[in-house]
Amino acid sequence: MYTTRMTRKGEDGGWPYEFSIKYLDALREREKRYEKGERFTKGLRIVIHPNGKKKWRFTWARGKGVVLGEYPQMKLAQARAECDRVLNRVNREEDPRPFGRRAAAKRSERLRLRDMQSTYTEAMDMLKAAQGYDNRSKEVLRTVLKEYNNRDLDIGRRYVDEITYHTIELYRNALLKLGNRPKTINRKIEALRPYWFYSRKHPEFKVYRWPLKSPFIDPETGESLKPIKAGNPTTDSIRWISPTDEQRIREYATRIGGHFLVAVTLALGTGVRPSELFRIRWQDVGKETIFIFKSKAGAQRYVRMDAATKDVLAQWKKLHHNEPVENTVLGVASINRQWLKMRKKLGIANTLHHCRHTYISRQLAGGMGWSELGTLVGHTGPEMTKRYARMQEELGLK
């Protein structure tokens, strides 16, 4: 804890114990800049420049100081009060220097958006307990901050002081290019909005050059970031993989092998969501079904495996027969990098989630009822399942 007041009187190198107006007015310029200080207020200095200007300066530690103002515009009493204000900020671990004069933070001191996720999640959990919020925005934020092999998409890698309106626009355009529907993109932006404001205010973020302008306001027009308008829901919200592309994807996955082959086969053969796919444990895999213990809707269910899925899992089990049953089958949290590489090489626009859409449509074409299929894939109501009915013709299944 720093303090300013000294209790012992005396002289030190020609410096007075306490400044007076007469003493300050009597100070004259020299060829080189010099300074005088008082012992009454530890760290307070008056700096006399060769041009005759006199400026107050306060130093609270070796090599750490700040210019307070110019004398006589800033009176002696004002300078002492300013010293106390600066020390209060220093003791609160804040940077007391004016915004424009603060040094840029070192790279090791600048935290990224992703670094704040655990602290923000704890705050959201407390808010949920107090006010009854759901976990939906927290789950969306997790998808926003996950790692991508694309700088525009990997917004969690960026520093807080780098997030601008242009950054948000690049992120939205990258999501559109990836195939995300407008409703999903708008939900991700809305989950990012309070998170960005929270991260700026949190004391763990040592980001200098504040205050920062909101990246959700256009600096040219001053208007707030508008949500993307949704198009035709039958074409924008549901997409599927054509039989030709599915065959190409399976052949590519077979050449790659490993967990990528297992993930693609499971997605196409069971219709599970990507968020459920990477949580499947060895103890959840049966002879004919897989137990989904944590789904998007919160309900547990069983999914059926086709012959291709059972064969691939049997071979994969032989390679991992010594693993504990509580370990996940895939052993990874994502295959986004491999999937994006495959999309670029094969020239397709489908996402991993489109495997689920294709599975549901094929089951409908096979004669499975709405209620049975909805329970199998984890839909909360028949309305969502019935949206896939009109896709059968375009898939060539009718």
Foldseek 3Di string as FASTA:
>chain_A
DFFFADDDADDDPNAHQDDDPVVVVPDFADPAKDWGDHRGTPQWIWIAGNVGWIWIKGARDVPDIETDGTPPVQPPVNSSVVNVVCVVCVVVVHHSYPQVPDDFDDPVQFAFLLVCLVVVVVVVVVVCVVPVDDCVLNVLQVVQCDDDPDPLSNRRVDTLLVQALVSLVSNLVVCVQLQAFLVSSVSSVVSVQVSSVVVVPDPSGPGGSDDHDRRQADPVPRHGNDGDDGDPCLPRVADAAAPVRLVVCQVVCVVVDALSNLLLQCCLFWLEALQQSQQFFQLQDDQFWGWRCQHPVGDIAITGGDPVNNVSLVVLCVVVVPDDRNQTSRNDSDDNHVVVVVCVVVVDSDDSNNSNLHNLLLVVLVPDDQVVSCRNHVNPDSVVSVSSPVCCVVSVSD
